[in-house]
Amino acid sequence: MLQLPLRVHLLSSRLGPIDATLDDAQVEALIGRVNEIWSQADIVWEIESITRESAEAEDQVEATLLAGTPLSGGLIAAILPRGRLFAGGWDAFIVRDLASAGAAPGVFFPTVPAVVSSEVDPAGLDDPGRILAHELGHSLTLPHVACTAAGNLMAPSCNSQDRTRLSAGQLDQARRQAQTGGPASS
């Protein structure tokens, strides 16, 4: 079993889509769901700490939202405070709801490196634990794959029965990156 340390950053903001509302027990439940999914790879994400931090670039985000423009990847990256990144493992920033701001519900930034994931899906179409597990998959070098009837964790917007499955090749690839002790970075 590979145990991967994860620092969870809950972002606070005056802006509803960014302001995370989870408490520690809810974060633990979220990571529990992520661990259910990643158990197929014999990977366990261990919470190293839970931090609460203020989002950066709020004025830019607010102007973008008021203009009715979807949040870009660059603007999402700009909200991430970088002062408490975890050099010894993985970082996951939790926000309230990126989808309501016109963005994907999660993203991995290899340049940071960190994952950003929404705590809710207002449309009720996705499980926040699956979203975070998907983004952590990107941090383990897994790219998007096409949706098939069998389903796959790395298939975005896939409505198949099993949206958490990984192929044997994906499991091997993810484990190789996990063994490096940190996320993929550019």
N, C-alpha and C. Protein backbone atom coordinates (compact mmCIF):
# COMPACT_ATOMS: atom_id res chain seq x y z
N MET A 1 0.86 -1.19 0.00
CA MET A 1 0.00 0.00 0.00
C MET A 1 0.89 1.24 0.00
N LEU A 2 0.68 2.11 -0.98
CA LEU A 2 1.41 3.37 -1.04
C LEU A 2 0.61 4.43 -0.29
N GLN A 3 1.24 5.06 0.68
CA GLN A 3 0.59 6.11 1.46
C GLN A 3 1.13 7.45 0.99
N LEU A 4 0.24 8.27 0.46
CA LEU A 4 0.63 9.55 -0.12
C LEU A 4 0.14 10.70 0.75
N PRO A 5 1.05 11.55 1.24
CA PRO A 5 0.65 12.67 2.08
C PRO A 5 -0.02 13.77 1.27
N LEU A 6 -1.10 14.28 1.81
CA LEU A 6 -1.91 15.29 1.12
C LEU A 6 -2.23 16.44 2.07
N ARG A 7 -1.84 17.63 1.68
CA ARG A 7 -2.24 18.82 2.42
C ARG A 7 -3.49 19.38 1.75
N VAL A 8 -4.54 19.56 2.53
CA VAL A 8 -5.80 20.09 2.00
C VAL A 8 -5.90 21.56 2.39
N HIS A 9 -6.08 22.40 1.39
CA HIS A 9 -6.20 23.85 1.59
C HIS A 9 -7.66 24.23 1.32
N LEU A 10 -8.34 24.74 2.32
CA LEU A 10 -9.71 25.24 2.15
C LEU A 10 -9.62 26.74 1.91
N LEU A 11 -10.04 27.17 0.74
CA LEU A 11 -9.94 28.59 0.40
C LEU A 11 -11.15 29.36 0.90
N SER A 12 -10.88 30.47 1.53
CA SER A 12 -11.95 31.38 1.94
C SER A 12 -11.93 32.58 1.01
N SER A 13 -13.12 33.12 0.79
CA SER A 13 -13.26 34.23 -0.14
C SER A 13 -14.59 34.93 0.11
N ARG A 14 -14.67 36.19 -0.26
CA ARG A 14 -15.96 36.88 -0.21
C ARG A 14 -16.83 36.47 -1.39
N LEU A 15 -16.26 35.71 -2.33
CA LEU A 15 -16.95 35.28 -3.54
C LEU A 15 -17.48 33.87 -3.35
N GLY A 16 -18.78 33.70 -3.51
CA GLY A 16 -19.44 32.42 -3.27
C GLY A 16 -18.84 31.22 -3.98
N PRO A 17 -18.51 31.30 -5.27
CA PRO A 17 -17.98 30.11 -5.94
C PRO A 17 -16.62 29.65 -5.39
N ILE A 18 -15.90 30.55 -4.75
CA ILE A 18 -14.55 30.23 -4.25
C ILE A 18 -14.60 29.81 -2.78
N ASP A 19 -15.49 30.39 -2.00
CA ASP A 19 -15.50 30.23 -0.54
C ASP A 19 -15.88 28.80 -0.12
N ALA A 20 -14.89 28.03 0.31
CA ALA A 20 -15.11 26.65 0.75
C ALA A 20 -15.85 26.64 2.09
N THR A 21 -16.75 25.68 2.25
CA THR A 21 -17.56 25.63 3.47
C THR A 21 -17.37 24.35 4.27
N LEU A 22 -16.51 23.45 3.81
CA LEU A 22 -16.34 22.17 4.50
C LEU A 22 -15.69 22.35 5.87
N ASP A 23 -16.10 21.51 6.82
CA ASP A 23 -15.39 21.45 8.10
C ASP A 23 -14.44 20.25 8.04
N ASP A 24 -13.66 20.05 9.09
CA ASP A 24 -12.65 18.99 9.09
C ASP A 24 -13.27 17.61 8.88
N ALA A 25 -14.39 17.34 9.51
CA ALA A 25 -15.04 16.03 9.35
C ALA A 25 -15.49 15.81 7.90
N GLN A 26 -15.97 16.86 7.26
CA GLN A 26 -16.39 16.74 5.87
C GLN A 26 -15.19 16.54 4.94
N VAL A 27 -14.07 17.18 5.26
CA VAL A 27 -12.85 16.97 4.49
C VAL A 27 -12.41 15.51 4.63
N GLU A 28 -12.44 15.00 5.85
CA GLU A 28 -12.07 13.60 6.08
C GLU A 28 -12.98 12.65 5.31
N ALA A 29 -14.27 12.95 5.26
CA ALA A 29 -15.21 12.12 4.49
C ALA A 29 -14.91 12.20 3.00
N LEU A 30 -14.58 13.39 2.51
CA LEU A 30 -14.23 13.58 1.10
C LEU A 30 -13.00 12.75 0.75
N ILE A 31 -11.98 12.82 1.58
CA ILE A 31 -10.75 12.05 1.32
C ILE A 31 -11.03 10.56 1.49
N GLY A 32 -11.95 10.20 2.38
CA GLY A 32 -12.36 8.80 2.49
C GLY A 32 -12.94 8.29 1.18
N ARG A 33 -13.75 9.10 0.52
CA ARG A 33 -14.32 8.72 -0.78
C ARG A 33 -13.21 8.60 -1.83
N VAL A 34 -12.27 9.54 -1.82
CA VAL A 34 -11.14 9.49 -2.73
C VAL A 34 -10.37 8.18 -2.51
N ASN A 35 -10.18 7.82 -1.25
CA ASN A 35 -9.44 6.59 -0.94
C ASN A 35 -10.19 5.33 -1.38
N GLU A 36 -11.51 5.36 -1.31
CA GLU A 36 -12.29 4.23 -1.84
C GLU A 36 -11.97 4.02 -3.32
N ILE A 37 -11.92 5.11 -4.05
CA ILE A 37 -11.66 5.05 -5.49
C ILE A 37 -10.23 4.58 -5.76
N TRP A 38 -9.26 5.13 -5.04
CA TRP A 38 -7.85 4.81 -5.29
C TRP A 38 -7.40 3.50 -4.66
N SER A 39 -8.26 2.85 -3.91
CA SER A 39 -7.88 1.56 -3.30
C SER A 39 -7.55 0.53 -4.38
N GLN A 40 -8.12 0.65 -5.56
CA GLN A 40 -7.83 -0.28 -6.66
C GLN A 40 -6.36 -0.22 -7.08
N ALA A 41 -5.68 0.88 -6.76
CA ALA A 41 -4.26 1.04 -7.08
C ALA A 41 -3.39 0.80 -5.86
N ASP A 42 -4.01 0.40 -4.76
CA ASP A 42 -3.29 0.26 -3.48
C ASP A 42 -2.62 1.58 -3.09
N ILE A 43 -3.36 2.67 -3.32
CA ILE A 43 -2.92 4.02 -2.95
C ILE A 43 -3.88 4.56 -1.91
N VAL A 44 -3.31 5.12 -0.85
CA VAL A 44 -4.09 5.78 0.20
C VAL A 44 -3.57 7.20 0.35
N TRP A 45 -4.48 8.15 0.26
CA TRP A 45 -4.14 9.56 0.48
C TRP A 45 -4.32 9.84 1.97
N GLU A 46 -3.25 10.27 2.62
CA GLU A 46 -3.29 10.58 4.05
C GLU A 46 -3.25 12.08 4.24
N ILE A 47 -4.21 12.60 4.98
CA ILE A 47 -4.26 14.04 5.23
C ILE A 47 -3.10 14.42 6.14
N GLU A 48 -2.19 15.21 5.62
CA GLU A 48 -1.06 15.70 6.40
C GLU A 48 -1.53 16.85 7.28
N SER A 49 -2.35 17.72 6.69
CA SER A 49 -2.94 18.83 7.45
C SER A 49 -4.08 19.42 6.63
N ILE A 50 -4.92 20.16 7.32
CA ILE A 50 -6.00 20.92 6.69
C ILE A 50 -5.74 22.37 7.03
N THR A 51 -5.56 23.20 6.02
CA THR A 51 -5.30 24.61 6.25
C THR A 51 -6.46 25.44 5.71
N ARG A 52 -6.66 26.57 6.30
CA ARG A 52 -7.66 27.52 5.83
C ARG A 52 -6.92 28.77 5.42
N GLU A 53 -7.10 29.16 4.15
CA GLU A 53 -6.33 30.26 3.60
C GLU A 53 -7.23 31.15 2.76
N SER A 54 -6.89 32.41 2.68
CA SER A 54 -7.63 33.35 1.85
C SER A 54 -7.20 33.21 0.40
N ALA A 55 -8.19 33.23 -0.49
CA ALA A 55 -7.91 33.19 -1.92
C ALA A 55 -7.22 34.47 -2.34
N GLU A 56 -6.39 34.35 -3.34
CA GLU A 56 -5.71 35.51 -3.94
C GLU A 56 -6.56 36.01 -5.12
N ALA A 57 -6.20 37.13 -5.67
CA ALA A 57 -6.76 37.67 -6.92
C ALA A 57 -8.28 37.78 -6.91
N GLU A 58 -8.88 38.05 -5.76
CA GLU A 58 -10.34 38.12 -5.68
C GLU A 58 -10.93 39.21 -6.56
N ASP A 59 -10.26 40.35 -6.66
CA ASP A 59 -10.79 41.44 -7.50
C ASP A 59 -10.87 41.03 -8.97
N GLN A 60 -9.86 40.30 -9.45
CA GLN A 60 -9.86 39.83 -10.84
C GLN A 60 -10.98 38.81 -11.05
N VAL A 61 -11.15 37.91 -10.09
CA VAL A 61 -12.21 36.90 -10.19
C VAL A 61 -13.57 37.58 -10.20
N GLU A 62 -13.75 38.54 -9.30
CA GLU A 62 -15.02 39.24 -9.21
C GLU A 62 -15.35 39.96 -10.51
N ALA A 63 -14.37 40.64 -11.08
CA ALA A 63 -14.60 41.35 -12.35
C ALA A 63 -14.97 40.37 -13.46
N THR A 64 -14.33 39.22 -13.47
CA THR A 64 -14.62 38.20 -14.48
C THR A 64 -16.03 37.67 -14.31
N LEU A 65 -16.40 37.38 -13.08
CA LEU A 65 -17.75 36.87 -12.81
C LEU A 65 -18.82 37.90 -13.16
N LEU A 66 -18.58 39.17 -12.80
CA LEU A 66 -19.54 40.22 -13.11
C LEU A 66 -19.70 40.43 -14.61
N ALA A 67 -18.63 40.18 -15.36
CA ALA A 67 -18.69 40.31 -16.82
C ALA A 67 -19.37 39.10 -17.47
N GLY A 68 -19.67 38.08 -16.66
CA GLY A 68 -20.30 36.88 -17.20
C GLY A 68 -19.35 36.00 -17.98
N THR A 69 -18.06 36.19 -17.75
CA THR A 69 -17.04 35.41 -18.45
C THR A 69 -16.64 34.22 -17.58
N PRO A 70 -16.52 33.04 -18.16
CA PRO A 70 -16.07 31.88 -17.37
C PRO A 70 -14.65 32.09 -16.83
N LEU A 71 -14.38 31.53 -15.67
CA LEU A 71 -13.04 31.60 -15.11
C LEU A 71 -12.09 30.79 -15.97
N SER A 72 -10.98 31.39 -16.32
CA SER A 72 -9.95 30.70 -17.10
C SER A 72 -9.05 29.91 -16.16
N GLY A 73 -8.30 28.98 -16.73
CA GLY A 73 -7.33 28.23 -15.93
C GLY A 73 -6.31 29.13 -15.27
N GLY A 74 -5.86 30.15 -16.01
CA GLY A 74 -4.89 31.07 -15.45
C GLY A 74 -5.43 31.84 -14.27
N LEU A 75 -6.69 32.23 -14.33
CA LEU A 75 -7.29 32.95 -13.22
C LEU A 75 -7.52 32.03 -12.02
N ILE A 76 -7.89 30.78 -12.29
CA ILE A 76 -8.04 29.83 -11.19
C ILE A 76 -6.69 29.62 -10.51
N ALA A 77 -5.64 29.48 -11.29
CA ALA A 77 -4.29 29.33 -10.71
C ALA A 77 -3.91 30.56 -9.89
N ALA A 78 -4.37 31.73 -10.32
CA ALA A 78 -4.01 32.97 -9.63
C ALA A 78 -4.64 33.07 -8.25
N ILE A 79 -5.74 32.35 -7.99
CA ILE A 79 -6.38 32.43 -6.67
C ILE A 79 -5.63 31.62 -5.62
N LEU A 80 -4.71 30.77 -6.04
CA LEU A 80 -4.05 29.86 -5.11
C LEU A 80 -2.93 30.54 -4.35
N PRO A 81 -3.05 30.61 -3.02
CA PRO A 81 -1.93 31.13 -2.23
C PRO A 81 -0.80 30.09 -2.25
N ARG A 82 0.41 30.53 -2.49
CA ARG A 82 1.52 29.59 -2.67
C ARG A 82 2.41 29.47 -1.43
N GLY A 83 2.12 30.24 -0.39
CA GLY A 83 3.00 30.29 0.77
C GLY A 83 3.06 29.02 1.61
N ARG A 84 2.03 28.18 1.53
CA ARG A 84 1.99 26.99 2.38
C ARG A 84 1.91 25.70 1.57
N LEU A 85 2.50 25.71 0.37
CA LEU A 85 2.53 24.49 -0.42
C LEU A 85 3.37 23.44 0.30
N PHE A 86 3.01 22.19 0.10
CA PHE A 86 3.60 21.06 0.81
C PHE A 86 4.71 20.44 -0.04
N ALA A 87 5.95 20.72 0.30
CA ALA A 87 7.08 20.20 -0.47
C ALA A 87 7.21 18.68 -0.33
N GLY A 88 6.63 18.10 0.70
CA GLY A 88 6.79 16.67 0.96
C GLY A 88 5.66 15.80 0.45
N GLY A 89 4.81 16.33 -0.44
CA GLY A 89 3.70 15.53 -0.92
C GLY A 89 2.82 16.31 -1.87
N TRP A 90 1.52 16.09 -1.76
CA TRP A 90 0.53 16.65 -2.68
C TRP A 90 -0.26 17.77 -2.00
N ASP A 91 -0.74 18.72 -2.81
CA ASP A 91 -1.60 19.81 -2.35
C ASP A 91 -2.92 19.76 -3.10
N ALA A 92 -4.01 19.87 -2.34
CA ALA A 92 -5.35 19.95 -2.94
C ALA A 92 -6.04 21.17 -2.37
N PHE A 93 -6.39 22.10 -3.24
CA PHE A 93 -7.13 23.30 -2.86
C PHE A 93 -8.61 23.03 -3.11
N ILE A 94 -9.41 23.26 -2.10
CA ILE A 94 -10.85 23.04 -2.21
C ILE A 94 -11.54 24.40 -2.26
N VAL A 95 -12.39 24.54 -3.26
CA VAL A 95 -13.23 25.73 -3.41
C VAL A 95 -14.68 25.28 -3.40
N ARG A 96 -15.58 26.21 -3.32
CA ARG A 96 -17.01 25.86 -3.24
C ARG A 96 -17.53 25.25 -4.54
N ASP A 97 -17.40 25.98 -5.66
CA ASP A 97 -18.11 25.53 -6.86
C ASP A 97 -17.57 26.23 -8.11
N LEU A 98 -16.60 25.63 -8.76
CA LEU A 98 -16.05 26.22 -9.99
C LEU A 98 -17.03 26.17 -11.15
N ALA A 99 -17.88 25.15 -11.18
CA ALA A 99 -18.82 25.00 -12.30
C ALA A 99 -19.77 26.19 -12.39
N SER A 100 -20.19 26.73 -11.25
CA SER A 100 -21.09 27.89 -11.30
C SER A 100 -20.38 29.13 -11.81
N ALA A 101 -19.05 29.09 -11.83
CA ALA A 101 -18.26 30.20 -12.37
C ALA A 101 -17.85 29.92 -13.81
N GLY A 102 -18.47 28.91 -14.43
CA GLY A 102 -18.22 28.61 -15.83
C GLY A 102 -16.97 27.80 -16.10
N ALA A 103 -16.38 27.22 -15.06
CA ALA A 103 -15.16 26.43 -15.23
C ALA A 103 -15.45 24.96 -14.99
N ALA A 104 -14.49 24.12 -15.31
CA ALA A 104 -14.60 22.70 -14.97
C ALA A 104 -14.62 22.58 -13.45
N PRO A 105 -15.21 21.51 -12.91
CA PRO A 105 -15.30 21.38 -11.46
C PRO A 105 -13.98 21.09 -10.76
N GLY A 106 -12.94 20.82 -11.54
CA GLY A 106 -11.63 20.59 -10.95
C GLY A 106 -10.55 20.77 -12.00
N VAL A 107 -9.31 20.94 -11.53
CA VAL A 107 -8.18 21.11 -12.44
C VAL A 107 -6.89 20.77 -11.70
N PHE A 108 -5.91 20.26 -12.43
CA PHE A 108 -4.57 20.04 -11.89
C PHE A 108 -3.63 21.01 -12.59
N PHE A 109 -2.84 21.72 -11.80
CA PHE A 109 -1.84 22.65 -12.33
C PHE A 109 -0.45 22.09 -12.08
N PRO A 110 0.18 21.48 -13.09
CA PRO A 110 1.52 20.93 -12.88
C PRO A 110 2.57 22.00 -12.60
N THR A 111 2.30 23.24 -13.00
CA THR A 111 3.26 24.32 -12.74
C THR A 111 3.28 24.74 -11.28
N VAL A 112 2.24 24.44 -10.52
CA VAL A 112 2.21 24.87 -9.12
C VAL A 112 3.02 23.91 -8.24
N PRO A 113 2.99 22.64 -8.24
CA PRO A 113 1.92 21.73 -8.68
C PRO A 113 0.86 21.57 -7.59
N ALA A 114 -0.39 21.60 -8.01
CA ALA A 114 -1.50 21.44 -7.08
C ALA A 114 -2.78 21.12 -7.83
N VAL A 115 -3.70 20.52 -7.11
CA VAL A 115 -5.03 20.19 -7.59
C VAL A 115 -6.00 21.22 -7.02
N VAL A 116 -6.98 21.63 -7.81
CA VAL A 116 -8.09 22.45 -7.33
C VAL A 116 -9.35 21.66 -7.61
N SER A 117 -10.23 21.56 -6.61
CA SER A 117 -11.44 20.77 -6.78
C SER A 117 -12.61 21.43 -6.06
N SER A 118 -13.78 21.31 -6.65
CA SER A 118 -15.00 21.86 -6.07
C SER A 118 -15.56 20.93 -5.01
N GLU A 119 -16.11 21.52 -3.97
CA GLU A 119 -16.72 20.70 -2.91
C GLU A 119 -18.14 20.30 -3.25
N VAL A 120 -18.73 20.93 -4.25
CA VAL A 120 -20.09 20.59 -4.66
C VAL A 120 -20.18 20.55 -6.18
N ASP A 121 -21.19 19.89 -6.66
CA ASP A 121 -21.58 19.95 -8.06
C ASP A 121 -23.04 20.37 -8.06
N PRO A 122 -23.33 21.65 -8.34
CA PRO A 122 -24.69 22.14 -8.23
C PRO A 122 -25.68 21.41 -9.13
N ALA A 123 -25.18 20.85 -10.22
CA ALA A 123 -26.08 20.12 -11.13
C ALA A 123 -26.38 18.72 -10.60
N GLY A 124 -25.64 18.29 -9.59
CA GLY A 124 -25.86 16.97 -9.02
C GLY A 124 -25.45 15.84 -9.95
N LEU A 125 -24.62 16.16 -10.93
CA LEU A 125 -24.21 15.16 -11.92
C LEU A 125 -22.95 14.41 -11.51
N ASP A 126 -22.21 14.93 -10.57
CA ASP A 126 -20.95 14.31 -10.22
C ASP A 126 -20.74 14.28 -8.72
N ASP A 127 -19.96 13.33 -8.29
CA ASP A 127 -19.59 13.12 -6.91
C ASP A 127 -18.32 13.93 -6.64
N PRO A 128 -18.32 14.86 -5.67
CA PRO A 128 -17.11 15.65 -5.40
C PRO A 128 -15.89 14.79 -5.09
N GLY A 129 -16.08 13.63 -4.47
CA GLY A 129 -14.95 12.73 -4.22
C GLY A 129 -14.38 12.19 -5.51
N ARG A 130 -15.24 11.92 -6.50
CA ARG A 130 -14.77 11.43 -7.79
C ARG A 130 -14.05 12.54 -8.54
N ILE A 131 -14.54 13.76 -8.42
CA ILE A 131 -13.87 14.90 -9.08
C ILE A 131 -12.45 15.03 -8.53
N LEU A 132 -12.32 15.03 -7.21
CA LEU A 132 -11.00 15.17 -6.59
C LEU A 132 -10.11 13.97 -6.95
N ALA A 133 -10.66 12.76 -6.94
CA ALA A 133 -9.88 11.57 -7.32
C ALA A 133 -9.40 11.68 -8.76
N HIS A 134 -10.25 12.21 -9.65
CA HIS A 134 -9.88 12.42 -11.06
C HIS A 134 -8.70 13.39 -11.15
N GLU A 135 -8.79 14.51 -10.46
CA GLU A 135 -7.72 15.52 -10.52
C GLU A 135 -6.42 14.98 -9.92
N LEU A 136 -6.53 14.21 -8.84
CA LEU A 136 -5.33 13.58 -8.28
C LEU A 136 -4.75 12.59 -9.28
N GLY A 137 -5.60 11.97 -10.09
CA GLY A 137 -5.11 11.11 -11.16
C GLY A 137 -4.22 11.87 -12.12
N HIS A 138 -4.60 13.11 -12.46
CA HIS A 138 -3.74 13.93 -13.31
C HIS A 138 -2.39 14.18 -12.63
N SER A 139 -2.42 14.39 -11.31
CA SER A 139 -1.17 14.62 -10.58
C SER A 139 -0.29 13.38 -10.57
N LEU A 140 -0.90 12.23 -10.88
CA LEU A 140 -0.16 10.97 -10.98
C LEU A 140 0.11 10.62 -12.45
N THR A 141 0.11 11.62 -13.32
CA THR A 141 0.45 11.57 -14.75
C THR A 141 -0.63 10.96 -15.64
N LEU A 142 -1.83 10.71 -15.14
CA LEU A 142 -2.86 10.11 -15.97
C LEU A 142 -3.57 11.17 -16.81
N PRO A 143 -3.61 10.99 -18.13
CA PRO A 143 -4.32 11.93 -19.00
C PRO A 143 -5.79 11.55 -19.10
N HIS A 144 -6.56 12.42 -19.73
CA HIS A 144 -7.95 12.08 -20.04
C HIS A 144 -7.98 10.92 -21.03
N VAL A 145 -9.02 10.12 -20.91
CA VAL A 145 -9.26 9.03 -21.86
C VAL A 145 -10.68 9.15 -22.37
N ALA A 146 -10.96 8.47 -23.47
CA ALA A 146 -12.30 8.49 -24.05
C ALA A 146 -13.27 7.71 -23.17
N CYS A 147 -14.49 8.16 -23.16
CA CYS A 147 -15.55 7.47 -22.42
C CYS A 147 -15.92 6.19 -23.17
N THR A 148 -16.04 5.13 -22.42
CA THR A 148 -16.48 3.85 -22.99
C THR A 148 -17.61 3.33 -22.12
N ALA A 149 -18.26 2.27 -22.58
CA ALA A 149 -19.35 1.67 -21.80
C ALA A 149 -18.85 1.16 -20.46
N ALA A 150 -17.57 0.75 -20.39
CA ALA A 150 -17.01 0.24 -19.14
C ALA A 150 -16.76 1.37 -18.14
N GLY A 151 -16.56 2.60 -18.63
CA GLY A 151 -16.30 3.74 -17.76
C GLY A 151 -14.85 3.81 -17.35
N ASN A 152 -14.45 5.00 -16.87
CA ASN A 152 -13.08 5.20 -16.43
C ASN A 152 -13.02 6.49 -15.62
N LEU A 153 -12.23 6.48 -14.57
CA LEU A 153 -12.06 7.66 -13.72
C LEU A 153 -11.55 8.85 -14.53
N MET A 154 -10.72 8.61 -15.52
CA MET A 154 -10.08 9.69 -16.25
C MET A 154 -10.85 10.11 -17.51
N ALA A 155 -12.05 9.61 -17.68
CA ALA A 155 -12.90 10.02 -18.80
C ALA A 155 -13.79 11.17 -18.33
N PRO A 156 -13.53 12.39 -18.79
CA PRO A 156 -14.35 13.52 -18.35
C PRO A 156 -15.75 13.45 -18.95
N SER A 157 -16.71 13.91 -18.21
CA SER A 157 -18.10 13.99 -18.68
C SER A 157 -18.63 12.68 -19.23
N CYS A 158 -18.30 11.61 -18.56
CA CYS A 158 -18.71 10.29 -18.99
C CYS A 158 -19.89 9.83 -18.14
N ASN A 159 -20.93 9.35 -18.78
CA ASN A 159 -22.12 8.93 -18.05
C ASN A 159 -22.24 7.42 -17.92
N SER A 160 -21.14 6.69 -18.08
CA SER A 160 -21.18 5.23 -17.99
C SER A 160 -21.45 4.80 -16.54
N GLN A 161 -21.66 3.52 -16.36
CA GLN A 161 -21.99 2.99 -15.04
C GLN A 161 -20.86 3.18 -14.04
N ASP A 162 -19.62 2.84 -14.41
CA ASP A 162 -18.51 2.89 -13.47
C ASP A 162 -17.55 4.00 -13.86
N ARG A 163 -17.70 5.11 -13.19
CA ARG A 163 -16.87 6.28 -13.50
C ARG A 163 -15.65 6.36 -12.60
N THR A 164 -15.33 5.25 -11.91
CA THR A 164 -14.19 5.25 -11.00
C THR A 164 -13.14 4.22 -11.39
N ARG A 165 -13.41 3.42 -12.39
CA ARG A 165 -12.52 2.33 -12.78
C ARG A 165 -11.25 2.88 -13.43
N LEU A 166 -10.14 2.16 -13.22
CA LEU A 166 -8.88 2.44 -13.91
C LEU A 166 -8.39 1.16 -14.55
N SER A 167 -7.76 1.28 -15.71
CA SER A 167 -7.21 0.11 -16.39
C SER A 167 -5.92 -0.33 -15.71
N ALA A 168 -5.48 -1.52 -16.02
CA ALA A 168 -4.22 -2.03 -15.44
C ALA A 168 -3.06 -1.11 -15.79
N GLY A 169 -3.02 -0.62 -17.03
CA GLY A 169 -1.95 0.30 -17.43
C GLY A 169 -1.99 1.61 -16.65
N GLN A 170 -3.19 2.13 -16.42
CA GLN A 170 -3.33 3.36 -15.64
C GLN A 170 -2.88 3.14 -14.19
N LEU A 171 -3.25 1.99 -13.63
CA LEU A 171 -2.85 1.68 -12.26
C LEU A 171 -1.32 1.65 -12.14
N ASP A 172 -0.66 1.00 -13.09
CA ASP A 172 0.80 0.93 -13.08
C ASP A 172 1.42 2.31 -13.22
N GLN A 173 0.89 3.10 -14.16
CA GLN A 173 1.42 4.45 -14.40
C GLN A 173 1.26 5.32 -13.15
N ALA A 174 0.09 5.28 -12.53
CA ALA A 174 -0.15 6.08 -11.33
C ALA A 174 0.77 5.65 -10.18
N ARG A 175 0.94 4.36 -10.02
CA ARG A 175 1.82 3.86 -8.94
C ARG A 175 3.27 4.28 -9.17
N ARG A 176 3.71 4.30 -10.42
CA ARG A 176 5.10 4.73 -10.70
C ARG A 176 5.29 6.18 -10.26
N GLN A 177 4.33 7.06 -10.59
CA GLN A 177 4.45 8.46 -10.17
C GLN A 177 4.34 8.57 -8.65
N ALA A 178 3.43 7.83 -8.05
CA ALA A 178 3.25 7.87 -6.59
C ALA A 178 4.55 7.51 -5.88
N GLN A 179 5.29 6.58 -6.43
CA GLN A 179 6.54 6.14 -5.80
C GLN A 179 7.63 7.21 -5.83
N THR A 180 7.46 8.27 -6.64
CA THR A 180 8.43 9.35 -6.67
C THR A 180 8.29 10.24 -5.43
N GLY A 181 7.14 10.15 -4.74
CA GLY A 181 6.93 10.95 -3.54
C GLY A 181 6.33 12.31 -3.77
N GLY A 182 5.93 12.60 -5.00
CA GLY A 182 5.33 13.90 -5.27
C GLY A 182 4.57 13.88 -6.58
N PRO A 183 3.78 14.93 -6.81
CA PRO A 183 2.99 15.01 -8.04
C PRO A 183 3.86 15.28 -9.25
N ALA A 184 3.31 14.95 -10.42
CA ALA A 184 3.95 15.31 -11.67
C ALA A 184 4.04 16.83 -11.73
N SER A 185 5.11 17.34 -12.28
CA SER A 185 5.23 18.80 -12.41
C SER A 185 5.84 19.10 -13.76
N SER A 186 5.65 20.33 -14.19
CA SER A 186 6.22 20.70 -15.49
C SER A 186 7.46 21.54 -15.28
